[in-house]
């Protein structure tokens, strides 16, 4: 699967997932709220997806992370 290439692809995905009208998406809800919903939406993570890093387990790890 390939990512979306334009705002119209994003709007199509929202219409498909929610049943909202294009008019409501464009004029009835803020684009910032839509972006936050998309960013927080559940998604699959495969074994090929790199992890975000090792967990912070002590103060030394925290110091490395912050600096």
PDB file of N, CA and C in Angstrom:
ATOM      1  N   UNK A   1       0.848  -1.184   0.000  1.00  0.00           N
ATOM      2  CA  UNK A   1       0.000   0.000   0.000  1.00  0.00           C
ATOM      3  C   UNK A   1       0.882   1.232   0.000  1.00  0.00           C
ATOM      4  N   UNK A   2       0.448   2.222  -0.682  1.00  0.00           N
ATOM      5  CA  UNK A   2       1.218   3.453  -0.794  1.00  0.00           C
ATOM      6  C   UNK A   2       0.464   4.565  -0.083  1.00  0.00           C
ATOM      7  N   UNK A   3       1.203   5.535   0.405  1.00  0.00           N
ATOM      8  CA  UNK A   3       0.604   6.642   1.139  1.00  0.00           C
ATOM      9  C   UNK A   3      -0.201   7.572   0.260  1.00  0.00           C
ATOM     10  N   UNK A   4      -0.917   8.466   0.889  1.00  0.00           N
ATOM     11  CA  UNK A   4      -1.741   9.440   0.169  1.00  0.00           C
ATOM     12  C   UNK A   4      -0.843  10.521  -0.419  1.00  0.00           C
ATOM     13  N   UNK A   5      -1.249  11.043  -1.565  1.00  0.00           N
ATOM     14  CA  UNK A   5      -0.406  12.008  -2.268  1.00  0.00           C
ATOM     15  C   UNK A   5      -0.936  13.431  -2.242  1.00  0.00           C
ATOM     16  N   UNK A   6      -2.145  13.634  -1.780  1.00  0.00           N
ATOM     17  CA  UNK A   6      -2.714  14.976  -1.801  1.00  0.00           C
ATOM     18  C   UNK A   6      -3.819  15.087  -0.751  1.00  0.00           C
ATOM     19  N   UNK A   7      -4.277  16.301  -0.487  1.00  0.00           N
ATOM     20  CA  UNK A   7      -5.406  16.466   0.445  1.00  0.00           C
ATOM     21  C   UNK A   7      -6.665  15.740  -0.031  1.00  0.00           C
ATOM     22  N   UNK A   8      -6.841  15.592  -1.338  1.00  0.00           N
ATOM     23  CA  UNK A   8      -8.024  14.916  -1.860  1.00  0.00           C
ATOM     24  C   UNK A   8      -8.008  13.429  -1.511  1.00  0.00           C
ATOM     25  N   UNK A   9      -6.850  12.826  -1.510  1.00  0.00           N
ATOM     26  CA  UNK A   9      -6.747  11.433  -1.070  1.00  0.00           C
ATOM     27  C   UNK A   9      -7.075  11.297   0.402  1.00  0.00           C
ATOM     28  N   UNK A  10      -6.639  12.259   1.191  1.00  0.00           N
ATOM     29  CA  UNK A  10      -6.957  12.258   2.620  1.00  0.00           C
ATOM     30  C   UNK A  10      -8.459  12.416   2.824  1.00  0.00           C
ATOM     31  N   UNK A  11      -9.064  13.332   2.090  1.00  0.00           N
ATOM     32  CA  UNK A  11     -10.510  13.535   2.198  1.00  0.00           C
ATOM     33  C   UNK A  11     -11.249  12.269   1.796  1.00  0.00           C
ATOM     34  N   UNK A  12     -10.826  11.608   0.718  1.00  0.00           N
ATOM     35  CA  UNK A  12     -11.454  10.358   0.296  1.00  0.00           C
ATOM     36  C   UNK A  12     -11.368   9.311   1.405  1.00  0.00           C
ATOM     37  N   UNK A  13     -10.222   9.215   2.053  1.00  0.00           N
ATOM     38  CA  UNK A  13     -10.064   8.249   3.148  1.00  0.00           C
ATOM     39  C   UNK A  13     -11.007   8.561   4.301  1.00  0.00           C
ATOM     40  N   UNK A  14     -11.163   9.830   4.631  1.00  0.00           N
ATOM     41  CA  UNK A  14     -12.045  10.231   5.727  1.00  0.00           C
ATOM     42  C   UNK A  14     -13.493   9.931   5.377  1.00  0.00           C
ATOM     43  N   UNK A  15     -13.904  10.237   4.138  1.00  0.00           N
ATOM     44  CA  UNK A  15     -15.268   9.935   3.696  1.00  0.00           C
ATOM     45  C   UNK A  15     -15.524   8.434   3.788  1.00  0.00           C
ATOM     46  N   UNK A  16     -14.553   7.633   3.335  1.00  0.00           N
ATOM     47  CA  UNK A  16     -14.697   6.172   3.363  1.00  0.00           C
ATOM     48  C   UNK A  16     -14.796   5.632   4.785  1.00  0.00           C
ATOM     49  N   UNK A  17     -13.989   6.182   5.680  1.00  0.00           N
ATOM     50  CA  UNK A  17     -13.931   5.658   7.048  1.00  0.00           C
ATOM     51  C   UNK A  17     -15.082   6.141   7.919  1.00  0.00           C
ATOM     52  N   UNK A  18     -15.575   7.356   7.671  1.00  0.00           N
ATOM     53  CA  UNK A  18     -16.555   7.945   8.588  1.00  0.00           C
ATOM     54  C   UNK A  18     -17.949   8.094   8.003  1.00  0.00           C
ATOM     55  N   UNK A  19     -18.048   8.181   6.685  1.00  0.00           N
ATOM     56  CA  UNK A  19     -19.336   8.455   6.063  1.00  0.00           C
ATOM     57  C   UNK A  19     -19.688   9.933   6.058  1.00  0.00           C
ATOM     58  N   UNK A  20     -18.776  10.778   6.548  1.00  0.00           N
ATOM     59  CA  UNK A  20     -19.023  12.221   6.527  1.00  0.00           C
ATOM     60  C   UNK A  20     -19.044  12.718   5.092  1.00  0.00           C
ATOM     61  N   UNK A  21     -19.773  13.788   4.841  1.00  0.00           N
ATOM     62  CA  UNK A  21     -19.805  14.374   3.502  1.00  0.00           C
ATOM     63  C   UNK A  21     -18.547  15.217   3.282  1.00  0.00           C
ATOM     64  N   UNK A  22     -18.228  15.432   2.021  1.00  0.00           N
ATOM     65  CA  UNK A  22     -17.086  16.287   1.693  1.00  0.00           C
ATOM     66  C   UNK A  22     -17.339  17.702   2.221  1.00  0.00           C
ATOM     67  N   UNK A  23     -18.577  18.166   2.112  1.00  0.00           N
ATOM     68  CA  UNK A  23     -18.922  19.493   2.622  1.00  0.00           C
ATOM     69  C   UNK A  23     -18.639  19.591   4.118  1.00  0.00           C
ATOM     70  N   UNK A  24     -19.006  18.559   4.889  1.00  0.00           N
ATOM     71  CA  UNK A  24     -18.748  18.589   6.333  1.00  0.00           C
ATOM     72  C   UNK A  24     -17.248  18.578   6.615  1.00  0.00           C
ATOM     73  N   UNK A  25     -16.506  17.788   5.873  1.00  0.00           N
ATOM     74  CA  UNK A  25     -15.055  17.718   6.093  1.00  0.00           C
ATOM     75  C   UNK A  25     -14.402  19.064   5.790  1.00  0.00           C
ATOM     76  N   UNK A  26     -14.840  19.716   4.723  1.00  0.00           N
ATOM     77  CA  UNK A  26     -14.227  20.989   4.337  1.00  0.00           C
ATOM     78  C   UNK A  26     -14.694  22.161   5.188  1.00  0.00           C
ATOM     79  N   UNK A  27     -15.960  22.155   5.626  1.00  0.00           N
ATOM     80  CA  UNK A  27     -16.507  23.340   6.273  1.00  0.00           C
ATOM     81  C   UNK A  27     -17.070  23.099   7.671  1.00  0.00           C
ATOM     82  N   UNK A  28     -17.294  21.831   8.072  1.00  0.00           N
ATOM     83  CA  UNK A  28     -17.961  21.573   9.329  1.00  0.00           C
ATOM     84  C   UNK A  28     -17.057  21.188  10.484  1.00  0.00           C
ATOM     85  N   UNK A  29     -15.822  20.845  10.199  1.00  0.00           N
ATOM     86  CA  UNK A  29     -14.884  20.418  11.243  1.00  0.00           C
ATOM     87  C   UNK A  29     -13.516  21.014  10.914  1.00  0.00           C
ATOM     88  N   UNK A  30     -12.773  21.382  11.934  1.00  0.00           N
ATOM     89  CA  UNK A  30     -11.483  22.026  11.666  1.00  0.00           C
ATOM     90  C   UNK A  30     -10.481  21.003  11.123  1.00  0.00           C
ATOM     91  N   UNK A  31      -9.639  21.464  10.221  1.00  0.00           N
ATOM     92  CA  UNK A  31      -8.623  20.599   9.621  1.00  0.00           C
ATOM     93  C   UNK A  31      -7.644  20.108  10.688  1.00  0.00           C
ATOM     94  N   UNK A  32      -7.376  20.912  11.700  1.00  0.00           N
ATOM     95  CA  UNK A  32      -6.477  20.503  12.781  1.00  0.00           C
ATOM     96  C   UNK A  32      -7.048  19.296  13.519  1.00  0.00           C
ATOM     97  N   UNK A  33      -8.344  19.300  13.789  1.00  0.00           N
ATOM     98  CA  UNK A  33      -8.958  18.143  14.435  1.00  0.00           C
ATOM     99  C   UNK A  33      -8.861  16.901  13.565  1.00  0.00           C
ATOM    100  N   UNK A  34      -9.059  17.055  12.268  1.00  0.00           N
ATOM    101  CA  UNK A  34      -8.930  15.913  11.360  1.00  0.00           C
ATOM    102  C   UNK A  34      -7.503  15.376  11.386  1.00  0.00           C
ATOM    103  N   UNK A  35      -6.513  16.260  11.346  1.00  0.00           N
ATOM    104  CA  UNK A  35      -5.119  15.816  11.380  1.00  0.00           C
ATOM    105  C   UNK A  35      -4.796  15.079  12.675  1.00  0.00           C
ATOM    106  N   UNK A  36      -5.345  15.561  13.796  1.00  0.00           N
ATOM    107  CA  UNK A  36      -5.103  14.891  15.075  1.00  0.00           C
ATOM    108  C   UNK A  36      -5.771  13.522  15.103  1.00  0.00           C
ATOM    109  N   UNK A  37      -6.965  13.396  14.526  1.00  0.00           N
ATOM    110  CA  UNK A  37      -7.632  12.095  14.442  1.00  0.00           C
ATOM    111  C   UNK A  37      -6.819  11.110  13.599  1.00  0.00           C
ATOM    112  N   UNK A  38      -6.301  11.576  12.473  1.00  0.00           N
ATOM    113  CA  UNK A  38      -5.505  10.718  11.596  1.00  0.00           C
ATOM    114  C   UNK A  38      -4.226  10.283  12.295  1.00  0.00           C
ATOM    115  N   UNK A  39      -3.573  11.211  12.979  1.00  0.00           N
ATOM    116  CA  UNK A  39      -2.310  10.884  13.649  1.00  0.00           C
ATOM    117  C   UNK A  39      -2.508   9.868  14.767  1.00  0.00           C
ATOM    118  N   UNK A  40      -3.683   9.894  15.395  1.00  0.00           N
ATOM    119  CA  UNK A  40      -3.937   9.018  16.533  1.00  0.00           C
ATOM    120  C   UNK A  40      -4.721   7.758  16.160  1.00  0.00           C
ATOM    121  N   UNK A  41      -5.016   7.593  14.889  1.00  0.00           N
ATOM    122  CA  UNK A  41      -5.809   6.438  14.456  1.00  0.00           C
ATOM    123  C   UNK A  41      -5.025   5.142  14.647  1.00  0.00           C
ATOM    124  N   UNK A  42      -5.721   4.068  15.001  1.00  0.00           N
ATOM    125  CA  UNK A  42      -5.035   2.778  15.123  1.00  0.00           C
ATOM    126  C   UNK A  42      -4.451   2.358  13.778  1.00  0.00           C
ATOM    127  N   UNK A  43      -3.328   1.700  13.819  1.00  0.00           N
ATOM    128  CA  UNK A  43      -2.708   1.215  12.589  1.00  0.00           C
ATOM    129  C   UNK A  43      -1.871  -0.022  12.895  1.00  0.00           C
ATOM    130  N   UNK A  44      -1.597  -0.777  11.865  1.00  0.00           N
ATOM    131  CA  UNK A  44      -0.797  -1.984  12.008  1.00  0.00           C
ATOM    132  C   UNK A  44       0.678  -1.644  11.959  1.00  0.00           C
ATOM    133  N   UNK A  45       1.460  -2.329  12.785  1.00  0.00           N
ATOM    134  CA  UNK A  45       2.907  -2.187  12.772  1.00  0.00           C
ATOM    135  C   UNK A  45       3.470  -3.566  12.455  1.00  0.00           C
ATOM    136  N   UNK A  46       4.186  -3.665  11.354  1.00  0.00           N
ATOM    137  CA  UNK A  46       4.755  -4.952  10.972  1.00  0.00           C
ATOM    138  C   UNK A  46       6.106  -5.150  11.636  1.00  0.00           C
ATOM    139  N   UNK A  47       6.627  -6.340  11.540  1.00  0.00           N
ATOM    140  CA  UNK A  47       7.940  -6.628  12.103  1.00  0.00           C
ATOM    141  C   UNK A  47       9.053  -5.868  11.401  1.00  0.00           C
ATOM    142  N   UNK A  48       8.787  -5.394  10.178  1.00  0.00           N
ATOM    143  CA  UNK A  48       9.801  -4.654   9.421  1.00  0.00           C
ATOM    144  C   UNK A  48       9.894  -3.194   9.851  1.00  0.00           C
ATOM    145  N   UNK A  49       8.908  -2.711  10.578  1.00  0.00           N
ATOM    146  CA  UNK A  49       8.895  -1.307  10.989  1.00  0.00           C
ATOM    147  C   UNK A  49       9.927  -1.082  12.088  1.00  0.00           C
ATOM    148  N   UNK A  50      10.852  -0.143  11.896  1.00  0.00           N
ATOM    149  CA  UNK A  50      11.855   0.090  12.940  1.00  0.00           C
ATOM    150  C   UNK A  50      11.218   0.633  14.212  1.00  0.00           C
ATOM    151  N   UNK A  51      11.745   0.230  15.323  1.00  0.00           N
ATOM    152  CA  UNK A  51      11.264   0.707  16.619  1.00  0.00           C
ATOM    153  C   UNK A  51      11.748   2.127  16.849  1.00  0.00           C
ATOM    154  N   UNK A  52      11.145   2.811  17.791  1.00  0.00           N
ATOM    155  CA  UNK A  52      11.491   4.205  18.056  1.00  0.00           C
ATOM    156  C   UNK A  52      12.760   4.352  18.866  1.00  0.00           C
ATOM    157  N   UNK A  53      13.288   3.304  19.391  1.00  0.00           N
ATOM    158  CA  UNK A  53      14.496   3.376  20.205  1.00  0.00           C
ATOM    159  C   UNK A  53      14.336   2.519  21.441  1.00  0.00           C
ATOM    160  N   UNK A  54      15.432   2.381  22.137  1.00  0.00           N
ATOM    161  CA  UNK A  54      15.346   1.546  23.332  1.00  0.00           C
ATOM    162  C   UNK A  54      14.650   2.315  24.450  1.00  0.00           C
ATOM    163  N   UNK A  55      13.970   1.610  25.328  1.00  0.00           N
ATOM    164  CA  UNK A  55      13.257   2.297  26.406  1.00  0.00           C
ATOM    165  C   UNK A  55      14.217   2.948  27.394  1.00  0.00           C
ATOM    166  N   UNK A  56      13.764   4.010  28.015  1.00  0.00           N
ATOM    167  CA  UNK A  56      14.545   4.692  29.044  1.00  0.00           C
ATOM    168  C   UNK A  56      14.321   3.959  30.355  1.00  0.00           C
ATOM    169  N   UNK A  57      15.376   3.372  30.885  1.00  0.00           N
ATOM    170  CA  UNK A  57      15.250   2.537  32.078  1.00  0.00           C
ATOM    171  C   UNK A  57      15.905   3.130  33.325  1.00  0.00           C
ATOM    172  N   UNK A  58      16.763   4.140  33.139  1.00  0.00           N
ATOM    173  CA  UNK A  58      17.425   4.732  34.303  1.00  0.00           C
ATOM    174  C   UNK A  58      17.828   6.171  33.971  1.00  0.00           C
ATOM    175  N   UNK A  59      18.434   6.839  34.937  1.00  0.00           N
ATOM    176  CA  UNK A  59      18.801   8.247  34.739  1.00  0.00           C
ATOM    177  C   UNK A  59      19.857   8.421  33.658  1.00  0.00           C
ATOM    178  N   UNK A  60      20.759   7.471  33.542  1.00  0.00           N
ATOM    179  CA  UNK A  60      21.793   7.569  32.498  1.00  0.00           C
ATOM    180  C   UNK A  60      21.147   7.512  31.106  1.00  0.00           C
ATOM    181  N   UNK A  61      20.178   6.620  30.918  1.00  0.00           N
ATOM    182  CA  UNK A  61      19.461   6.552  29.639  1.00  0.00           C
ATOM    183  C   UNK A  61      18.721   7.854  29.364  1.00  0.00           C
ATOM    184  N   UNK A  62      18.128   8.435  30.399  1.00  0.00           N
ATOM    185  CA  UNK A  62      17.414   9.697  30.237  1.00  0.00           C
ATOM    186  C   UNK A  62      18.375  10.809  29.834  1.00  0.00           C
ATOM    187  N   UNK A  63      19.538  10.858  30.458  1.00  0.00           N
ATOM    188  CA  UNK A  63      20.530  11.881  30.118  1.00  0.00           C
ATOM    189  C   UNK A  63      20.982  11.739  28.665  1.00  0.00           C
ATOM    190  N   UNK A  64      21.170  10.506  28.206  1.00  0.00           N
ATOM    191  CA  UNK A  64      21.571  10.266  26.805  1.00  0.00           C
ATOM    192  C   UNK A  64      20.452  10.716  25.879  1.00  0.00           C
ATOM    193  N   UNK A  65      19.219  10.403  26.234  1.00  0.00           N
ATOM    194  CA  UNK A  65      18.080  10.782  25.411  1.00  0.00           C
ATOM    195  C   UNK A  65      17.947  12.301  25.293  1.00  0.00           C
ATOM    196  N   UNK A  66      18.146  13.013  26.409  1.00  0.00           N
ATOM    197  CA  UNK A  66      17.960  14.462  26.415  1.00  0.00           C
ATOM    198  C   UNK A  66      19.109  15.233  25.799  1.00  0.00           C
ATOM    199  N   UNK A  67      20.291  14.646  25.781  1.00  0.00           N
ATOM    200  CA  UNK A  67      21.450  15.381  25.255  1.00  0.00           C
ATOM    201  C   UNK A  67      22.081  14.709  24.136  1.00  0.00           C
TER     202      UNK A  67
END
